[in-house]
Amino acid sequence: MERAQRADRILDAAGELLLAWGYRRVTIDEIARRANVGKGTVYLHWKTKDSLLLAVMLKAQSRMHDRQLERLRADPLEILPSRMMSRLFLEFQAEPVLRAAYTDDADILGRLNETAKQEFAELIVAGDRNLRHHLEVLREHGLVRRDTDVQHQQYALLATSSGFFTSEALLIDRAPDGLEVRAGILAHTIRSTLEVPADTDAQPGSDLGSGTGPDPASARLRAAATAAAPEIIDRYERFTELCAQEMRRQIRD
């Protein structure tokens, strides 16, 4: 327990310095000083500065995945792409390390982002497969449209979400006030593009059948989401374990 707590303290210190100073200026000496441990203690946990800072990124990602799983377990409607991506949009704003990675902020991450792409290549592939499978399950249960190829849907979902994420840096002076408002616009855009209204007589993109009301359309939507959720949750649980394994791999044996 003491070893794990010490590792968490080092990770927290490294994350704070990475955001405050950027990759190039952060040193193991400064991280050790901030964490109130010896320099040698840092090297007891991580072989290199890069492995430590990669672990900082993984820890932030794990926090986000844990919160996502909590939402999925609590409400099956969270498997809908519009809900999932709008929630992740808000999560990213609360995780500045991930936000820097997503916008390729060289001032903060330096070459670390390129290192992460190489080190986490297996996770990136697994994440793409998970999303593809997620959409396939939703298609089977009539929750997203089937009039286009699932690969095209995956690309549209990622491209749309990426545009909203990067716009926080590029278009913030022209964005509507309030993160919740912008998250709502993202949700509406994805819903209009991909999802099938529970009321099949409604036009694609309408907000009928939100799953939260007493009407039959909402009941049908919730029933379909409830049936689809276990398989999707299982995939994300396995992905979370992959992330944990990668975190352990970065730690010195």
C-alpha atoms as a PDB file:
ATOM      1  CA  MET A   1       0.000   0.000   0.000  1.00  0.00           C
ATOM      2  CA  GLU A   2       2.819   2.417   0.935  1.00  0.00           C
ATOM      3  CA  ARG A   3       4.560   1.740  -2.395  1.00  0.00           C
ATOM      4  CA  ALA A   4       1.337   2.418  -4.340  1.00  0.00           C
ATOM      5  CA  GLN A   5       0.660   5.635  -2.415  1.00  0.00           C
ATOM      6  CA  ARG A   6       4.222   6.809  -3.036  1.00  0.00           C
ATOM      7  CA  ALA A   7       3.853   6.045  -6.767  1.00  0.00           C
ATOM      8  CA  ASP A   8       0.602   8.038  -6.873  1.00  0.00           C
ATOM      9  CA  ARG A   9       2.319  10.977  -5.174  1.00  0.00           C
ATOM     10  CA  ILE A  10       5.112  10.874  -7.749  1.00  0.00           C
ATOM     11  CA  LEU A  11       2.595  10.687 -10.604  1.00  0.00           C
ATOM     12  CA  ASP A  12       0.669  13.655  -9.232  1.00  0.00           C
ATOM     13  CA  ALA A  13       3.851  15.701  -8.896  1.00  0.00           C
ATOM     14  CA  ALA A  14       4.975  14.770 -12.404  1.00  0.00           C
ATOM     15  CA  GLY A  15       1.592  15.743 -13.838  1.00  0.00           C
ATOM     16  CA  GLU A  16       1.608  19.110 -12.110  1.00  0.00           C
ATOM     17  CA  LEU A  17       5.099  19.925 -13.373  1.00  0.00           C
ATOM     18  CA  LEU A  18       4.363  18.687 -16.894  1.00  0.00           C
ATOM     19  CA  LEU A  19       1.437  21.087 -17.173  1.00  0.00           C
ATOM     20  CA  ALA A  20       3.245  23.977 -15.492  1.00  0.00           C
ATOM     21  CA  TRP A  21       6.635  23.722 -17.192  1.00  0.00           C
ATOM     22  CA  GLY A  22       6.265  21.466 -20.221  1.00  0.00           C
ATOM     23  CA  TYR A  23       8.114  18.268 -21.113  1.00  0.00           C
ATOM     24  CA  ARG A  24      11.493  19.836 -21.923  1.00  0.00           C
ATOM     25  CA  ARG A  25      11.928  21.618 -18.586  1.00  0.00           C
ATOM     26  CA  VAL A  26      10.663  18.857 -16.290  1.00  0.00           C
ATOM     27  CA  THR A  27      13.404  16.816 -14.663  1.00  0.00           C
ATOM     28  CA  ILE A  28      13.392  13.800 -12.383  1.00  0.00           C
ATOM     29  CA  ASP A  29      15.128  15.957  -9.750  1.00  0.00           C
ATOM     30  CA  GLU A  30      12.252  18.459  -9.755  1.00  0.00           C
ATOM     31  CA  ILE A  31       9.637  15.704  -9.720  1.00  0.00           C
ATOM     32  CA  ALA A  32      11.336  14.079  -6.728  1.00  0.00           C
ATOM     33  CA  ARG A  33      11.511  17.432  -4.933  1.00  0.00           C
ATOM     34  CA  ARG A  34       7.811  18.144  -5.599  1.00  0.00           C
ATOM     35  CA  ALA A  35       6.824  14.639  -4.427  1.00  0.00           C
ATOM     36  CA  ASN A  36       9.075  14.945  -1.355  1.00  0.00           C
ATOM     37  CA  VAL A  37      11.020  11.779  -2.185  1.00  0.00           C
ATOM     38  CA  GLY A  38      14.581  11.064  -3.221  1.00  0.00           C
ATOM     39  CA  LYS A  39      15.581  10.948  -6.881  1.00  0.00           C
ATOM     40  CA  GLY A  40      16.505   7.300  -6.473  1.00  0.00           C
ATOM     41  CA  THR A  41      12.997   6.571  -5.210  1.00  0.00           C
ATOM     42  CA  VAL A  42      11.524   7.818  -8.479  1.00  0.00           C
ATOM     43  CA  TYR A  43      13.791   5.429 -10.367  1.00  0.00           C
ATOM     44  CA  LEU A  44      12.633   2.580  -8.131  1.00  0.00           C
ATOM     45  CA  HIS A  45       9.234   2.958  -9.848  1.00  0.00           C
ATOM     46  CA  TRP A  46      10.062   4.137 -13.369  1.00  0.00           C
ATOM     47  CA  LYS A  47      13.065   3.446 -15.557  1.00  0.00           C
ATOM     48  CA  THR A  48      13.056   6.795 -17.377  1.00  0.00           C
ATOM     49  CA  LYS A  49      11.487  10.220 -17.373  1.00  0.00           C
ATOM     50  CA  ASP A  50       9.479   9.223 -20.455  1.00  0.00           C
ATOM     51  CA  SER A  51       8.047   6.104 -18.821  1.00  0.00           C
ATOM     52  CA  LEU A  52       6.972   8.211 -15.832  1.00  0.00           C
ATOM     53  CA  LEU A  53       5.312  10.889 -17.943  1.00  0.00           C
ATOM     54  CA  LEU A  54       3.633   8.259 -20.128  1.00  0.00           C
ATOM     55  CA  ALA A  55       2.222   6.835 -16.907  1.00  0.00           C
ATOM     56  CA  VAL A  56       0.844  10.312 -16.126  1.00  0.00           C
ATOM     57  CA  MET A  57      -1.059  10.209 -19.423  1.00  0.00           C
ATOM     58  CA  LEU A  58      -2.289   6.669 -18.756  1.00  0.00           C
ATOM     59  CA  LYS A  59      -3.498   7.609 -15.284  1.00  0.00           C
ATOM     60  CA  ALA A  60      -5.533  10.492 -16.698  1.00  0.00           C
ATOM     61  CA  GLN A  61      -6.990   8.173 -19.342  1.00  0.00           C
ATOM     62  CA  SER A  62      -7.815   5.552 -16.705  1.00  0.00           C
ATOM     63  CA  ARG A  63      -9.716   8.120 -14.630  1.00  0.00           C
ATOM     64  CA  MET A  64     -11.769   8.992 -17.687  1.00  0.00           C
ATOM     65  CA  HIS A  65     -12.450   5.324 -18.501  1.00  0.00           C
ATOM     66  CA  ASP A  66     -13.486   4.588 -14.920  1.00  0.00           C
ATOM     67  CA  ARG A  67     -16.017   7.420 -14.957  1.00  0.00           C
ATOM     68  CA  GLN A  68     -17.317   6.275 -18.334  1.00  0.00           C
ATOM     69  CA  LEU A  69     -17.854   2.737 -17.027  1.00  0.00           C
ATOM     70  CA  GLU A  70     -19.693   4.119 -13.999  1.00  0.00           C
ATOM     71  CA  ARG A  71     -22.076   5.965 -16.311  1.00  0.00           C
ATOM     72  CA  LEU A  72     -22.622   2.920 -18.530  1.00  0.00           C
ATOM     73  CA  ARG A  73     -23.407   0.699 -15.551  1.00  0.00           C
ATOM     74  CA  ALA A  74     -25.767   3.280 -14.055  1.00  0.00           C
ATOM     75  CA  ASP A  75     -27.768   4.059 -17.210  1.00  0.00           C
ATOM     76  CA  PRO A  76     -27.875   1.933 -20.404  1.00  0.00           C
ATOM     77  CA  LEU A  77     -28.769   5.021 -22.455  1.00  0.00           C
ATOM     78  CA  GLU A  78     -25.150   6.129 -21.977  1.00  0.00           C
ATOM     79  CA  ILE A  79     -24.198   3.658 -24.739  1.00  0.00           C
ATOM     80  CA  LEU A  80     -25.746   6.000 -27.327  1.00  0.00           C
ATOM     81  CA  PRO A  81     -23.001   7.769 -29.338  1.00  0.00           C
ATOM     82  CA  SER A  82     -24.501  11.207 -28.724  1.00  0.00           C
ATOM     83  CA  ARG A  83     -24.411  10.744 -24.970  1.00  0.00           C
ATOM     84  CA  MET A  84     -21.053   8.989 -24.881  1.00  0.00           C
ATOM     85  CA  MET A  85     -19.175  11.577 -26.939  1.00  0.00           C
ATOM     86  CA  SER A  86     -20.754  14.618 -25.307  1.00  0.00           C
ATOM     87  CA  ARG A  87     -19.822  13.227 -21.876  1.00  0.00           C
ATOM     88  CA  LEU A  88     -16.262  12.508 -23.075  1.00  0.00           C
ATOM     89  CA  PHE A  89     -16.075  16.056 -24.439  1.00  0.00           C
ATOM     90  CA  LEU A  90     -16.749  17.348 -20.931  1.00  0.00           C
ATOM     91  CA  GLU A  91     -14.315  14.822 -19.428  1.00  0.00           C
ATOM     92  CA  PHE A  92     -11.515  16.051 -21.679  1.00  0.00           C
ATOM     93  CA  GLN A  93     -11.895  19.579 -20.380  1.00  0.00           C
ATOM     94  CA  ALA A  94     -11.288  18.273 -16.853  1.00  0.00           C
ATOM     95  CA  GLU A  95      -8.132  16.368 -17.904  1.00  0.00           C
ATOM     96  CA  PRO A  96      -5.601  18.948 -19.173  1.00  0.00           C
ATOM     97  CA  VAL A  97      -2.952  16.298 -19.929  1.00  0.00           C
ATOM     98  CA  LEU A  98      -5.331  14.480 -22.286  1.00  0.00           C
ATOM     99  CA  ARG A  99      -6.462  17.780 -23.762  1.00  0.00           C
ATOM    100  CA  ALA A 100      -2.843  18.622 -24.537  1.00  0.00           C
ATOM    101  CA  ALA A 101      -2.360  15.204 -26.137  1.00  0.00           C
ATOM    102  CA  TYR A 102      -5.469  15.552 -28.256  1.00  0.00           C
ATOM    103  CA  THR A 103      -4.505  18.994 -29.549  1.00  0.00           C
ATOM    104  CA  ASP A 104      -0.854  17.927 -29.955  1.00  0.00           C
ATOM    105  CA  ASP A 105       0.304  20.753 -27.685  1.00  0.00           C
ATOM    106  CA  ALA A 106       4.078  20.703 -28.257  1.00  0.00           C
ATOM    107  CA  ASP A 107       4.696  23.362 -25.577  1.00  0.00           C
ATOM    108  CA  ILE A 108       3.435  20.946 -22.911  1.00  0.00           C
ATOM    109  CA  LEU A 109       4.193  17.517 -24.323  1.00  0.00           C
ATOM    110  CA  GLY A 110       7.231  18.088 -26.538  1.00  0.00           C
ATOM    111  CA  ARG A 111       8.072  14.768 -28.175  1.00  0.00           C
ATOM    112  CA  LEU A 112       6.096  12.824 -25.561  1.00  0.00           C
ATOM    113  CA  ASN A 113       2.986  12.678 -27.751  1.00  0.00           C
ATOM    114  CA  GLU A 114       4.901  10.893 -30.524  1.00  0.00           C
ATOM    115  CA  THR A 115       6.406   8.520 -27.963  1.00  0.00           C
ATOM    116  CA  ALA A 116       2.920   7.805 -26.623  1.00  0.00           C
ATOM    117  CA  LYS A 117       1.637   6.907 -30.095  1.00  0.00           C
ATOM    118  CA  GLN A 118       4.431   4.350 -30.413  1.00  0.00           C
ATOM    119  CA  GLU A 119       4.222   2.982 -26.876  1.00  0.00           C
ATOM    120  CA  PHE A 120       0.427   2.837 -26.841  1.00  0.00           C
ATOM    121  CA  ALA A 121      -0.014   1.528 -30.386  1.00  0.00           C
ATOM    122  CA  GLU A 122      -1.728  -1.633 -29.130  1.00  0.00           C
ATOM    123  CA  LEU A 123      -4.139   0.406 -26.995  1.00  0.00           C
ATOM    124  CA  ILE A 124      -4.972   2.694 -29.916  1.00  0.00           C
ATOM    125  CA  VAL A 125      -5.797  -0.311 -32.122  1.00  0.00           C
ATOM    126  CA  ALA A 126      -7.858  -1.881 -29.332  1.00  0.00           C
ATOM    127  CA  GLY A 127      -9.744   1.383 -28.828  1.00  0.00           C
ATOM    128  CA  ASP A 128     -10.602   1.542 -32.533  1.00  0.00           C
ATOM    129  CA  ARG A 129     -11.818  -2.056 -32.456  1.00  0.00           C
ATOM    130  CA  ASN A 130     -13.946  -1.347 -29.394  1.00  0.00           C
ATOM    131  CA  LEU A 131     -15.627   1.601 -31.035  1.00  0.00           C
ATOM    132  CA  ARG A 132     -16.288  -0.408 -34.195  1.00  0.00           C
ATOM    133  CA  HIS A 133     -17.806  -3.231 -32.147  1.00  0.00           C
ATOM    134  CA  HIS A 134     -19.811  -0.707 -30.116  1.00  0.00           C
ATOM    135  CA  LEU A 135     -21.404   0.638 -33.289  1.00  0.00           C
ATOM    136  CA  GLU A 136     -22.057  -2.875 -34.626  1.00  0.00           C
ATOM    137  CA  VAL A 137     -23.941  -3.790 -31.450  1.00  0.00           C
ATOM    138  CA  LEU A 138     -25.971  -0.584 -31.651  1.00  0.00           C
ATOM    139  CA  ARG A 139     -26.842  -1.381 -35.276  1.00  0.00           C
ATOM    140  CA  GLU A 140     -28.003  -4.871 -34.307  1.00  0.00           C
ATOM    141  CA  HIS A 141     -30.357  -3.390 -31.736  1.00  0.00           C
ATOM    142  CA  GLY A 142     -31.693  -0.668 -34.028  1.00  0.00           C
ATOM    143  CA  LEU A 143     -30.093   2.186 -32.111  1.00  0.00           C
ATOM    144  CA  VAL A 144     -28.031   3.626 -34.967  1.00  0.00           C
ATOM    145  CA  ARG A 145     -28.794   3.797 -38.656  1.00  0.00           C
ATOM    146  CA  ARG A 146     -27.910   0.930 -40.988  1.00  0.00           C
ATOM    147  CA  ASP A 147     -28.136   2.799 -44.294  1.00  0.00           C
ATOM    148  CA  THR A 148     -24.372   3.379 -44.408  1.00  0.00           C
ATOM    149  CA  ASP A 149     -21.244   1.307 -43.801  1.00  0.00           C
ATOM    150  CA  VAL A 150     -20.217   0.942 -40.152  1.00  0.00           C
ATOM    151  CA  GLN A 151     -16.655   1.994 -41.007  1.00  0.00           C
ATOM    152  CA  HIS A 152     -18.022   5.226 -42.464  1.00  0.00           C
ATOM    153  CA  GLN A 153     -20.074   5.745 -39.312  1.00  0.00           C
ATOM    154  CA  GLN A 154     -17.001   5.243 -37.137  1.00  0.00           C
ATOM    155  CA  TYR A 155     -15.064   7.770 -39.187  1.00  0.00           C
ATOM    156  CA  ALA A 156     -17.927  10.274 -39.037  1.00  0.00           C
ATOM    157  CA  LEU A 157     -18.211   9.856 -35.280  1.00  0.00           C
ATOM    158  CA  LEU A 158     -14.482  10.316 -34.685  1.00  0.00           C
ATOM    159  CA  ALA A 159     -14.140  13.190 -37.148  1.00  0.00           C
ATOM    160  CA  THR A 160     -17.103  15.053 -35.669  1.00  0.00           C
ATOM    161  CA  SER A 161     -15.937  14.561 -32.101  1.00  0.00           C
ATOM    162  CA  SER A 162     -12.348  15.482 -32.976  1.00  0.00           C
ATOM    163  CA  GLY A 163     -13.581  18.694 -34.554  1.00  0.00           C
ATOM    164  CA  PHE A 164     -15.392  19.684 -31.361  1.00  0.00           C
ATOM    165  CA  PHE A 165     -12.421  18.747 -29.163  1.00  0.00           C
ATOM    166  CA  THR A 166      -9.883  20.731 -31.183  1.00  0.00           C
ATOM    167  CA  SER A 167     -12.277  23.653 -31.582  1.00  0.00           C
ATOM    168  CA  GLU A 168     -11.870  24.309 -27.866  1.00  0.00           C
ATOM    169  CA  ALA A 169      -8.396  25.591 -28.747  1.00  0.00           C
ATOM    170  CA  LEU A 170      -8.954  26.884 -32.283  1.00  0.00           C
ATOM    171  CA  LEU A 171     -12.410  28.477 -32.154  1.00  0.00           C
ATOM    172  CA  ILE A 172     -12.957  29.277 -28.509  1.00  0.00           C
ATOM    173  CA  ASP A 173     -13.420  33.003 -29.240  1.00  0.00           C
ATOM    174  CA  ARG A 174     -16.349  32.143 -31.533  1.00  0.00           C
ATOM    175  CA  ALA A 175     -17.851  29.318 -29.470  1.00  0.00           C
ATOM    176  CA  PRO A 176     -21.163  29.581 -27.595  1.00  0.00           C
ATOM    177  CA  ASP A 177     -20.689  30.299 -23.906  1.00  0.00           C
ATOM    178  CA  GLY A 178     -20.693  27.319 -21.584  1.00  0.00           C
ATOM    179  CA  LEU A 179     -19.159  23.872 -21.938  1.00  0.00           C
ATOM    180  CA  GLU A 180     -22.538  22.240 -21.363  1.00  0.00           C
ATOM    181  CA  VAL A 181     -23.985  24.199 -24.297  1.00  0.00           C
ATOM    182  CA  ARG A 182     -21.156  23.081 -26.577  1.00  0.00           C
ATOM    183  CA  ALA A 183     -21.499  19.484 -25.351  1.00  0.00           C
ATOM    184  CA  GLY A 184     -25.212  19.693 -26.187  1.00  0.00           C
ATOM    185  CA  ILE A 185     -24.438  20.870 -29.719  1.00  0.00           C
ATOM    186  CA  LEU A 186     -22.060  17.920 -30.153  1.00  0.00           C
ATOM    187  CA  ALA A 187     -24.704  15.494 -28.867  1.00  0.00           C
ATOM    188  CA  HIS A 188     -27.346  16.906 -31.239  1.00  0.00           C
ATOM    189  CA  THR A 189     -24.960  16.733 -34.212  1.00  0.00           C
ATOM    190  CA  ILE A 190     -24.094  13.076 -33.566  1.00  0.00           C
ATOM    191  CA  ARG A 191     -27.712  12.156 -32.845  1.00  0.00           C
ATOM    192  CA  SER A 192     -28.821  13.733 -36.094  1.00  0.00           C
ATOM    193  CA  THR A 193     -26.127  11.945 -38.087  1.00  0.00           C
ATOM    194  CA  LEU A 194     -26.093   8.449 -36.620  1.00  0.00           C
ATOM    195  CA  GLU A 195     -28.919   7.558 -34.310  1.00  0.00           C
ATOM    196  CA  VAL A 196     -32.337   6.110 -35.039  1.00  0.00           C
ATOM    197  CA  PRO A 197     -35.221   7.790 -33.178  1.00  0.00           C
ATOM    198  CA  ALA A 198     -37.199   5.374 -31.038  1.00  0.00           C
ATOM    199  CA  ASP A 199     -40.299   6.679 -32.817  1.00  0.00           C
ATOM    200  CA  THR A 200     -39.713   5.188 -36.281  1.00  0.00           C
ATOM    201  CA  ASP A 201     -42.137   7.680 -37.815  1.00  0.00           C
ATOM    202  CA  ALA A 202     -39.921  10.562 -36.718  1.00  0.00           C
ATOM    203  CA  GLN A 203     -37.362  12.153 -38.982  1.00  0.00           C
ATOM    204  CA  PRO A 204     -33.723  11.102 -38.430  1.00  0.00           C
ATOM    205  CA  GLY A 205     -32.116  13.489 -35.995  1.00  0.00           C
ATOM    206  CA  SER A 206     -35.264  14.394 -34.114  1.00  0.00           C
ATOM    207  CA  ASP A 207     -35.120  14.297 -30.324  1.00  0.00           C
ATOM    208  CA  LEU A 208     -38.212  12.142 -29.938  1.00  0.00           C
ATOM    209  CA  GLY A 209     -37.803   9.082 -27.764  1.00  0.00           C
ATOM    210  CA  SER A 210     -35.081  10.373 -25.501  1.00  0.00           C
ATOM    211  CA  GLY A 211     -35.519   7.368 -23.227  1.00  0.00           C
ATOM    212  CA  THR A 212     -36.295   9.602 -20.268  1.00  0.00           C
ATOM    213  CA  GLY A 213     -40.035  10.161 -20.699  1.00  0.00           C
ATOM    214  CA  PRO A 214     -43.148   8.020 -20.117  1.00  0.00           C
ATOM    215  CA  ASP A 215     -44.038   7.787 -23.829  1.00  0.00           C
ATOM    216  CA  PRO A 216     -43.852   4.447 -25.713  1.00  0.00           C
ATOM    217  CA  ALA A 217     -41.012   5.704 -27.931  1.00  0.00           C
ATOM    218  CA  SER A 218     -38.840   6.412 -24.889  1.00  0.00           C
ATOM    219  CA  ALA A 219     -39.707   3.025 -23.430  1.00  0.00           C
ATOM    220  CA  ARG A 220     -38.682   1.264 -26.660  1.00  0.00           C
ATOM    221  CA  LEU A 221     -35.406   3.181 -26.789  1.00  0.00           C
ATOM    222  CA  ARG A 222     -34.564   2.308 -23.191  1.00  0.00           C
ATOM    223  CA  ALA A 223     -35.454  -1.349 -23.732  1.00  0.00           C
ATOM    224  CA  ALA A 224     -33.158  -1.575 -26.756  1.00  0.00           C
ATOM    225  CA  ALA A 225     -30.329   0.157 -24.906  1.00  0.00           C
ATOM    226  CA  THR A 226     -30.787  -2.127 -21.899  1.00  0.00           C
ATOM    227  CA  ALA A 227     -30.491  -5.184 -24.144  1.00  0.00           C
ATOM    228  CA  ALA A 228     -27.375  -3.873 -25.897  1.00  0.00           C
ATOM    229  CA  ALA A 229     -25.533  -2.487 -22.851  1.00  0.00           C
ATOM    230  CA  PRO A 230     -24.044  -5.664 -21.276  1.00  0.00           C
ATOM    231  CA  GLU A 231     -22.014  -6.603 -24.360  1.00  0.00           C
ATOM    232  CA  ILE A 232     -20.723  -3.057 -24.763  1.00  0.00           C
ATOM    233  CA  ILE A 233     -19.856  -2.721 -21.062  1.00  0.00           C
ATOM    234  CA  ASP A 234     -17.956  -6.007 -21.196  1.00  0.00           C
ATOM    235  CA  ARG A 235     -15.775  -4.706 -24.043  1.00  0.00           C
ATOM    236  CA  TYR A 236     -14.986  -1.474 -22.210  1.00  0.00           C
ATOM    237  CA  GLU A 237     -14.170  -3.353 -19.008  1.00  0.00           C
ATOM    238  CA  ARG A 238     -11.640  -5.433 -20.925  1.00  0.00           C
ATOM    239  CA  PHE A 239     -10.193  -2.296 -22.486  1.00  0.00           C
ATOM    240  CA  THR A 240      -9.825  -0.720 -19.050  1.00  0.00           C
ATOM    241  CA  GLU A 241      -7.861  -3.784 -17.954  1.00  0.00           C
ATOM    242  CA  LEU A 242      -5.600  -3.404 -21.003  1.00  0.00           C
ATOM    243  CA  CYS A 243      -4.861   0.154 -19.885  1.00  0.00           C
ATOM    244  CA  ALA A 244      -4.058  -1.107 -16.389  1.00  0.00           C
ATOM    245  CA  GLN A 245      -1.684  -3.694 -17.849  1.00  0.00           C
ATOM    246  CA  GLU A 246       0.073  -0.990 -19.850  1.00  0.00           C
ATOM    247  CA  MET A 247       0.391   1.123 -16.704  1.00  0.00           C
ATOM    248  CA  ARG A 248       2.039  -1.830 -14.942  1.00  0.00           C
ATOM    249  CA  ARG A 249       4.360  -2.345 -17.918  1.00  0.00           C
ATOM    250  CA  GLN A 250       5.703   1.190 -17.506  1.00  0.00           C
ATOM    251  CA  ILE A 251       6.636   0.497 -13.869  1.00  0.00           C
ATOM    252  CA  ARG A 252      10.061  -0.877 -13.047  1.00  0.00           C
ATOM    253  CA  ASP A 253       9.898  -4.510 -11.882  1.00  0.00           C
END
